[in-house]
């Protein structure tokens, strides 16, 4: 299990990454098991990590138009991960999570890494974890 504390809307939120999160995500995404959850995650992660890398490298500027688009469905996947991993009853709503993702690309990439580290491995195989966006 991994944890991380982030600040959303001025509140400190502790995120917990464990098997229970996989089950919650499966319920939210209509997945029957961990493999289906990871397939949904992987598809979204490819899109998001590429976009956040470009955003982090260019520096986010309010009002600036970027030459990439992140589909709402992809943002929803990561908003769900943040929202459903929040410990306690003080979970942020989906809109607050989405705003956090865009304003904190490096922190979002670290959340992705922690989520991947929490996934049980099959047959002792190693997982490749994307490098943190710098």
N, C-alpha and C. Protein backbone atom coordinates (compact mmCIF):
# COMPACT_ATOMS: atom_id res chain seq x y z
N UNK A 1 0.84 -1.18 0.00
CA UNK A 1 0.00 0.00 0.00
C UNK A 1 0.89 1.25 0.00
N UNK A 2 0.50 2.21 -0.79
CA UNK A 2 1.19 3.49 -0.86
C UNK A 2 0.20 4.59 -0.51
N UNK A 3 0.73 5.66 0.09
CA UNK A 3 -0.12 6.82 0.38
C UNK A 3 0.59 8.08 -0.09
N UNK A 4 -0.21 9.10 -0.30
CA UNK A 4 0.31 10.41 -0.71
C UNK A 4 -0.67 11.46 -0.21
N UNK A 5 -0.16 12.56 0.27
CA UNK A 5 -1.01 13.66 0.70
C UNK A 5 -0.90 14.78 -0.33
N UNK A 6 -2.06 15.25 -0.79
CA UNK A 6 -2.10 16.35 -1.75
C UNK A 6 -3.04 17.42 -1.20
N UNK A 7 -2.98 18.60 -1.78
CA UNK A 7 -3.87 19.69 -1.37
C UNK A 7 -4.79 20.03 -2.52
N UNK A 8 -6.10 19.92 -2.25
CA UNK A 8 -7.13 20.27 -3.23
C UNK A 8 -8.09 21.23 -2.55
N UNK A 9 -8.30 22.37 -3.19
CA UNK A 9 -9.20 23.41 -2.66
C UNK A 9 -8.85 23.77 -1.22
N UNK A 10 -7.54 23.86 -0.94
CA UNK A 10 -7.07 24.26 0.38
C UNK A 10 -7.17 23.18 1.45
N UNK A 11 -7.60 21.99 1.08
CA UNK A 11 -7.70 20.89 2.05
C UNK A 11 -6.64 19.85 1.76
N UNK A 12 -6.01 19.36 2.82
CA UNK A 12 -5.07 18.25 2.65
C UNK A 12 -5.86 16.96 2.56
N UNK A 13 -5.61 16.21 1.50
CA UNK A 13 -6.30 14.95 1.24
C UNK A 13 -5.25 13.85 1.19
N UNK A 14 -5.44 12.81 1.97
CA UNK A 14 -4.56 11.65 1.91
C UNK A 14 -5.14 10.65 0.94
N UNK A 15 -4.31 10.23 0.00
CA UNK A 15 -4.71 9.23 -0.99
C UNK A 15 -4.08 7.90 -0.60
N UNK A 16 -4.84 6.85 -0.73
CA UNK A 16 -4.37 5.51 -0.37
C UNK A 16 -4.53 4.60 -1.59
N UNK A 17 -3.43 3.99 -1.99
CA UNK A 17 -3.40 3.14 -3.18
C UNK A 17 -3.22 1.69 -2.74
N UNK A 18 -4.28 0.90 -2.91
CA UNK A 18 -4.24 -0.50 -2.50
C UNK A 18 -5.25 -1.30 -3.32
N UNK A 19 -5.39 -2.58 -2.99
CA UNK A 19 -6.30 -3.44 -3.73
C UNK A 19 -7.74 -2.95 -3.63
N UNK A 20 -8.11 -2.41 -2.48
CA UNK A 20 -9.48 -1.88 -2.33
C UNK A 20 -9.77 -0.80 -3.37
N UNK A 21 -8.77 0.00 -3.72
CA UNK A 21 -8.96 1.02 -4.75
C UNK A 21 -9.26 0.36 -6.09
N UNK A 22 -8.58 -0.73 -6.41
CA UNK A 22 -8.87 -1.44 -7.65
C UNK A 22 -10.34 -1.88 -7.69
N UNK A 23 -10.83 -2.39 -6.57
CA UNK A 23 -12.23 -2.82 -6.51
C UNK A 23 -13.18 -1.63 -6.69
N UNK A 24 -12.88 -0.50 -6.05
CA UNK A 24 -13.72 0.69 -6.21
C UNK A 24 -13.72 1.17 -7.66
N UNK A 25 -12.54 1.18 -8.28
CA UNK A 25 -12.45 1.61 -9.67
C UNK A 25 -13.20 0.65 -10.58
N UNK A 26 -13.10 -0.64 -10.30
CA UNK A 26 -13.84 -1.64 -11.08
C UNK A 26 -15.33 -1.37 -11.04
N UNK A 27 -15.83 -1.03 -9.86
CA UNK A 27 -17.25 -0.70 -9.73
C UNK A 27 -17.62 0.56 -10.50
N UNK A 28 -16.76 1.56 -10.40
CA UNK A 28 -17.03 2.85 -11.07
C UNK A 28 -16.96 2.72 -12.59
N UNK A 29 -16.07 1.87 -13.08
CA UNK A 29 -15.85 1.76 -14.52
C UNK A 29 -16.55 0.56 -15.15
N UNK A 30 -17.29 -0.22 -14.36
CA UNK A 30 -17.98 -1.40 -14.88
C UNK A 30 -17.04 -2.52 -15.28
N UNK A 31 -15.92 -2.65 -14.56
CA UNK A 31 -14.94 -3.69 -14.85
C UNK A 31 -15.15 -4.88 -13.92
N UNK A 32 -14.99 -6.09 -14.46
CA UNK A 32 -15.20 -7.30 -13.67
C UNK A 32 -14.00 -7.72 -12.84
N UNK A 33 -12.82 -7.18 -13.11
CA UNK A 33 -11.64 -7.59 -12.36
C UNK A 33 -10.48 -6.65 -12.58
N UNK A 34 -9.36 -6.95 -11.90
CA UNK A 34 -8.19 -6.08 -11.97
C UNK A 34 -7.61 -5.90 -13.37
N UNK A 35 -7.68 -6.93 -14.20
CA UNK A 35 -7.12 -6.80 -15.55
C UNK A 35 -7.91 -5.77 -16.35
N UNK A 36 -9.23 -5.82 -16.25
CA UNK A 36 -10.06 -4.84 -16.96
C UNK A 36 -9.82 -3.43 -16.43
N UNK A 37 -9.64 -3.30 -15.12
CA UNK A 37 -9.33 -1.98 -14.53
C UNK A 37 -8.01 -1.47 -15.11
N UNK A 38 -7.01 -2.34 -15.15
CA UNK A 38 -5.70 -1.92 -15.65
C UNK A 38 -5.74 -1.60 -17.14
N UNK A 39 -6.57 -2.30 -17.91
CA UNK A 39 -6.69 -1.97 -19.33
C UNK A 39 -7.29 -0.57 -19.51
N UNK A 40 -8.32 -0.26 -18.73
CA UNK A 40 -8.92 1.08 -18.78
C UNK A 40 -7.89 2.12 -18.38
N UNK A 41 -7.18 1.85 -17.30
CA UNK A 41 -6.14 2.77 -16.82
C UNK A 41 -5.05 2.97 -17.87
N UNK A 42 -4.54 1.88 -18.45
CA UNK A 42 -3.42 1.97 -19.39
C UNK A 42 -3.76 2.80 -20.61
N UNK A 43 -4.95 2.62 -21.13
CA UNK A 43 -5.38 3.39 -22.29
C UNK A 43 -5.40 4.89 -21.95
N UNK A 44 -5.95 5.21 -20.79
CA UNK A 44 -6.02 6.62 -20.37
C UNK A 44 -4.64 7.17 -20.05
N UNK A 45 -3.80 6.35 -19.41
CA UNK A 45 -2.47 6.81 -18.99
C UNK A 45 -1.60 7.21 -20.18
N UNK A 46 -1.66 6.43 -21.24
CA UNK A 46 -0.86 6.77 -22.43
C UNK A 46 -1.19 8.17 -22.93
N UNK A 47 -2.47 8.48 -22.99
CA UNK A 47 -2.91 9.79 -23.46
C UNK A 47 -2.52 10.89 -22.48
N UNK A 48 -2.78 10.65 -21.18
CA UNK A 48 -2.54 11.69 -20.19
C UNK A 48 -1.07 11.98 -19.97
N UNK A 49 -0.24 10.96 -19.86
CA UNK A 49 1.19 11.19 -19.61
C UNK A 49 1.82 11.97 -20.76
N UNK A 50 1.45 11.65 -21.99
CA UNK A 50 1.98 12.38 -23.14
C UNK A 50 1.57 13.86 -23.08
N UNK A 51 0.30 14.10 -22.76
CA UNK A 51 -0.19 15.48 -22.70
C UNK A 51 0.43 16.24 -21.52
N UNK A 52 0.52 15.60 -20.36
CA UNK A 52 1.09 16.28 -19.20
C UNK A 52 2.57 16.57 -19.39
N UNK A 53 3.26 15.71 -20.09
CA UNK A 53 4.67 15.97 -20.37
C UNK A 53 4.82 17.24 -21.20
N UNK A 54 3.96 17.39 -22.19
CA UNK A 54 4.00 18.60 -23.03
C UNK A 54 3.61 19.82 -22.21
N UNK A 55 2.60 19.69 -21.37
CA UNK A 55 2.13 20.80 -20.55
C UNK A 55 3.20 21.21 -19.54
N UNK A 56 3.81 20.23 -18.87
CA UNK A 56 4.81 20.52 -17.86
C UNK A 56 6.05 21.14 -18.48
N UNK A 57 6.42 20.68 -19.68
CA UNK A 57 7.61 21.20 -20.35
C UNK A 57 7.39 22.64 -20.81
N UNK A 58 6.17 22.96 -21.23
CA UNK A 58 5.91 24.31 -21.74
C UNK A 58 5.53 25.28 -20.63
N UNK A 59 5.13 24.75 -19.50
CA UNK A 59 4.67 25.60 -18.41
C UNK A 59 3.24 26.01 -18.65
N UNK A 60 2.37 25.67 -17.73
CA UNK A 60 0.95 25.99 -17.89
C UNK A 60 0.73 27.48 -17.74
N UNK A 61 0.09 28.07 -18.71
CA UNK A 61 -0.22 29.49 -18.67
C UNK A 61 -1.72 29.64 -18.85
N UNK A 62 -2.36 30.29 -17.91
CA UNK A 62 -3.81 30.46 -17.98
C UNK A 62 -4.18 31.19 -19.27
N UNK A 63 -5.17 30.65 -19.96
CA UNK A 63 -5.64 31.26 -21.18
C UNK A 63 -4.88 30.84 -22.43
N UNK A 64 -3.75 30.16 -22.25
CA UNK A 64 -2.97 29.72 -23.41
C UNK A 64 -3.66 28.54 -24.08
N UNK A 65 -3.62 28.48 -25.39
CA UNK A 65 -4.19 27.38 -26.15
C UNK A 65 -3.07 26.40 -26.46
N UNK A 66 -3.31 25.12 -26.18
CA UNK A 66 -2.30 24.09 -26.40
C UNK A 66 -2.69 23.27 -27.63
N UNK A 67 -1.69 22.65 -28.25
CA UNK A 67 -1.95 21.90 -29.48
C UNK A 67 -2.24 20.43 -29.21
N UNK A 68 -2.78 20.11 -28.07
CA UNK A 68 -3.21 18.75 -27.77
C UNK A 68 -4.54 18.82 -27.03
N UNK A 69 -5.24 17.72 -27.07
CA UNK A 69 -6.50 17.66 -26.35
C UNK A 69 -6.54 16.40 -25.52
N UNK A 70 -6.99 16.53 -24.29
CA UNK A 70 -7.17 15.38 -23.44
C UNK A 70 -8.68 15.14 -23.35
N UNK A 71 -9.14 13.99 -23.84
CA UNK A 71 -10.58 13.72 -23.82
C UNK A 71 -11.13 13.72 -22.38
N UNK A 72 -12.39 14.12 -22.24
CA UNK A 72 -13.03 14.13 -20.93
C UNK A 72 -12.99 12.75 -20.28
N UNK A 73 -13.12 11.71 -21.09
CA UNK A 73 -13.10 10.35 -20.54
C UNK A 73 -11.77 10.03 -19.87
N UNK A 74 -10.68 10.55 -20.43
CA UNK A 74 -9.35 10.31 -19.85
C UNK A 74 -9.22 11.08 -18.53
N UNK A 75 -9.64 12.32 -18.52
CA UNK A 75 -9.61 13.10 -17.28
C UNK A 75 -10.48 12.42 -16.22
N UNK A 76 -11.60 11.87 -16.65
CA UNK A 76 -12.48 11.16 -15.72
C UNK A 76 -11.82 9.97 -15.06
N UNK A 77 -11.01 9.24 -15.80
CA UNK A 77 -10.30 8.09 -15.23
C UNK A 77 -9.40 8.55 -14.08
N UNK A 78 -8.65 9.62 -14.29
CA UNK A 78 -7.71 10.07 -13.26
C UNK A 78 -8.41 10.82 -12.14
N UNK A 79 -9.50 11.50 -12.46
CA UNK A 79 -10.30 12.10 -11.40
C UNK A 79 -10.85 11.01 -10.49
N UNK A 80 -11.31 9.91 -11.08
CA UNK A 80 -11.80 8.78 -10.29
C UNK A 80 -10.72 8.20 -9.39
N UNK A 81 -9.51 8.07 -9.93
CA UNK A 81 -8.41 7.53 -9.11
C UNK A 81 -8.17 8.42 -7.90
N UNK A 82 -8.12 9.72 -8.10
CA UNK A 82 -7.90 10.63 -6.98
C UNK A 82 -9.08 10.60 -6.02
N UNK A 83 -10.28 10.73 -6.56
CA UNK A 83 -11.49 10.79 -5.72
C UNK A 83 -11.69 9.51 -4.92
N UNK A 84 -11.53 8.36 -5.56
CA UNK A 84 -11.80 7.09 -4.90
C UNK A 84 -10.67 6.62 -3.99
N UNK A 85 -9.47 7.18 -4.16
CA UNK A 85 -8.37 6.81 -3.28
C UNK A 85 -8.31 7.69 -2.04
N UNK A 86 -9.13 8.75 -2.00
CA UNK A 86 -9.13 9.65 -0.84
C UNK A 86 -9.60 8.91 0.41
N UNK A 87 -8.85 9.08 1.48
CA UNK A 87 -9.15 8.43 2.75
C UNK A 87 -10.16 9.27 3.51
N UNK A 88 -11.17 8.62 4.08
CA UNK A 88 -12.15 9.33 4.89
C UNK A 88 -13.29 9.87 4.04
N UNK A 89 -14.11 10.66 4.70
CA UNK A 89 -15.31 11.17 4.05
C UNK A 89 -15.11 12.52 3.38
N UNK A 90 -13.88 13.03 3.39
CA UNK A 90 -13.61 14.37 2.86
C UNK A 90 -13.08 14.30 1.42
N UNK A 91 -13.59 13.35 0.63
CA UNK A 91 -13.11 13.18 -0.74
C UNK A 91 -13.51 14.38 -1.59
N UNK A 92 -12.60 14.85 -2.43
CA UNK A 92 -12.93 15.95 -3.34
C UNK A 92 -13.89 15.48 -4.43
N UNK A 93 -14.62 16.42 -5.03
CA UNK A 93 -15.51 16.03 -6.12
C UNK A 93 -14.71 15.92 -7.42
N UNK A 94 -15.35 15.38 -8.45
CA UNK A 94 -14.67 15.15 -9.72
C UNK A 94 -14.13 16.41 -10.36
N UNK A 95 -14.85 17.52 -10.27
CA UNK A 95 -14.38 18.77 -10.86
C UNK A 95 -13.12 19.27 -10.17
N UNK A 96 -13.08 19.17 -8.84
CA UNK A 96 -11.88 19.59 -8.10
C UNK A 96 -10.69 18.72 -8.47
N UNK A 97 -10.94 17.43 -8.64
CA UNK A 97 -9.86 16.51 -9.05
C UNK A 97 -9.35 16.84 -10.44
N UNK A 98 -10.27 17.14 -11.35
CA UNK A 98 -9.87 17.49 -12.72
C UNK A 98 -9.02 18.75 -12.74
N UNK A 99 -9.41 19.75 -11.96
CA UNK A 99 -8.63 20.98 -11.88
C UNK A 99 -7.24 20.70 -11.32
N UNK A 100 -7.17 19.84 -10.30
CA UNK A 100 -5.88 19.46 -9.71
C UNK A 100 -4.97 18.84 -10.77
N UNK A 101 -5.52 17.97 -11.59
CA UNK A 101 -4.74 17.28 -12.63
C UNK A 101 -4.06 18.29 -13.55
N UNK A 102 -4.80 19.30 -14.00
CA UNK A 102 -4.24 20.28 -14.92
C UNK A 102 -3.27 21.24 -14.25
N UNK A 103 -3.51 21.57 -13.00
CA UNK A 103 -2.65 22.53 -12.31
C UNK A 103 -1.39 21.89 -11.72
N UNK A 104 -1.38 20.56 -11.62
CA UNK A 104 -0.27 19.86 -10.96
C UNK A 104 0.19 18.66 -11.78
N UNK A 105 0.74 18.89 -12.98
CA UNK A 105 1.10 17.75 -13.83
C UNK A 105 2.15 16.82 -13.22
N UNK A 106 3.15 17.37 -12.53
CA UNK A 106 4.17 16.51 -11.93
C UNK A 106 3.59 15.67 -10.80
N UNK A 107 2.75 16.28 -9.99
CA UNK A 107 2.11 15.56 -8.89
C UNK A 107 1.16 14.49 -9.44
N UNK A 108 0.47 14.79 -10.52
CA UNK A 108 -0.43 13.81 -11.14
C UNK A 108 0.37 12.62 -11.64
N UNK A 109 1.53 12.86 -12.23
CA UNK A 109 2.38 11.77 -12.70
C UNK A 109 2.84 10.92 -11.52
N UNK A 110 3.13 11.53 -10.39
CA UNK A 110 3.53 10.77 -9.19
C UNK A 110 2.35 9.93 -8.68
N UNK A 111 1.15 10.44 -8.75
CA UNK A 111 -0.03 9.67 -8.36
C UNK A 111 -0.17 8.44 -9.27
N UNK A 112 0.08 8.62 -10.56
CA UNK A 112 0.04 7.49 -11.50
C UNK A 112 1.07 6.44 -11.08
N UNK A 113 2.28 6.88 -10.75
CA UNK A 113 3.34 5.95 -10.33
C UNK A 113 2.93 5.18 -9.08
N UNK A 114 2.38 5.88 -8.10
CA UNK A 114 1.96 5.22 -6.87
C UNK A 114 0.83 4.23 -7.12
N UNK A 115 -0.10 4.60 -7.98
CA UNK A 115 -1.17 3.69 -8.34
C UNK A 115 -0.60 2.42 -8.96
N UNK A 116 0.32 2.57 -9.91
CA UNK A 116 0.92 1.40 -10.56
C UNK A 116 1.68 0.53 -9.58
N UNK A 117 2.38 1.16 -8.65
CA UNK A 117 3.12 0.39 -7.64
C UNK A 117 2.20 -0.43 -6.74
N UNK A 118 0.97 -0.01 -6.60
CA UNK A 118 0.04 -0.69 -5.69
C UNK A 118 -0.64 -1.90 -6.32
N UNK A 119 -0.52 -2.04 -7.64
CA UNK A 119 -1.20 -3.13 -8.34
C UNK A 119 -0.46 -4.44 -8.09
N UNK A 120 -1.18 -5.49 -7.66
CA UNK A 120 -0.53 -6.79 -7.44
C UNK A 120 0.06 -7.32 -8.74
N UNK A 121 1.24 -7.90 -8.64
CA UNK A 121 1.91 -8.44 -9.82
C UNK A 121 1.48 -9.88 -10.06
N UNK A 122 1.40 -10.26 -11.31
CA UNK A 122 1.14 -11.65 -11.68
C UNK A 122 2.46 -12.36 -11.90
N UNK A 123 2.63 -13.52 -11.29
CA UNK A 123 3.81 -14.37 -11.49
C UNK A 123 5.13 -13.65 -11.20
N UNK A 124 5.12 -12.66 -10.34
CA UNK A 124 6.35 -11.99 -9.96
C UNK A 124 6.95 -11.12 -11.05
N UNK A 125 6.22 -10.86 -12.13
CA UNK A 125 6.74 -10.03 -13.22
C UNK A 125 6.86 -8.59 -12.73
N UNK A 126 7.84 -7.88 -13.26
CA UNK A 126 8.00 -6.48 -12.85
C UNK A 126 7.11 -5.59 -13.70
N UNK A 127 6.72 -4.47 -13.13
CA UNK A 127 5.90 -3.48 -13.84
C UNK A 127 6.81 -2.35 -14.28
N UNK A 128 6.56 -1.84 -15.45
CA UNK A 128 7.28 -0.65 -15.87
C UNK A 128 6.47 0.55 -15.44
N UNK A 129 7.10 1.43 -14.67
CA UNK A 129 6.43 2.62 -14.16
C UNK A 129 6.97 3.81 -14.92
N UNK A 130 6.08 4.66 -15.48
CA UNK A 130 6.56 5.81 -16.24
C UNK A 130 7.39 6.74 -15.37
N UNK A 131 8.39 7.33 -15.97
CA UNK A 131 9.23 8.28 -15.24
C UNK A 131 8.42 9.51 -14.87
N UNK A 132 8.79 10.12 -13.77
CA UNK A 132 8.08 11.35 -13.34
C UNK A 132 8.38 12.47 -14.32
N UNK A 133 7.36 13.26 -14.62
CA UNK A 133 7.52 14.41 -15.50
C UNK A 133 8.34 15.45 -14.76
N UNK A 134 9.37 15.95 -15.38
CA UNK A 134 10.20 16.98 -14.76
C UNK A 134 10.02 18.30 -15.45
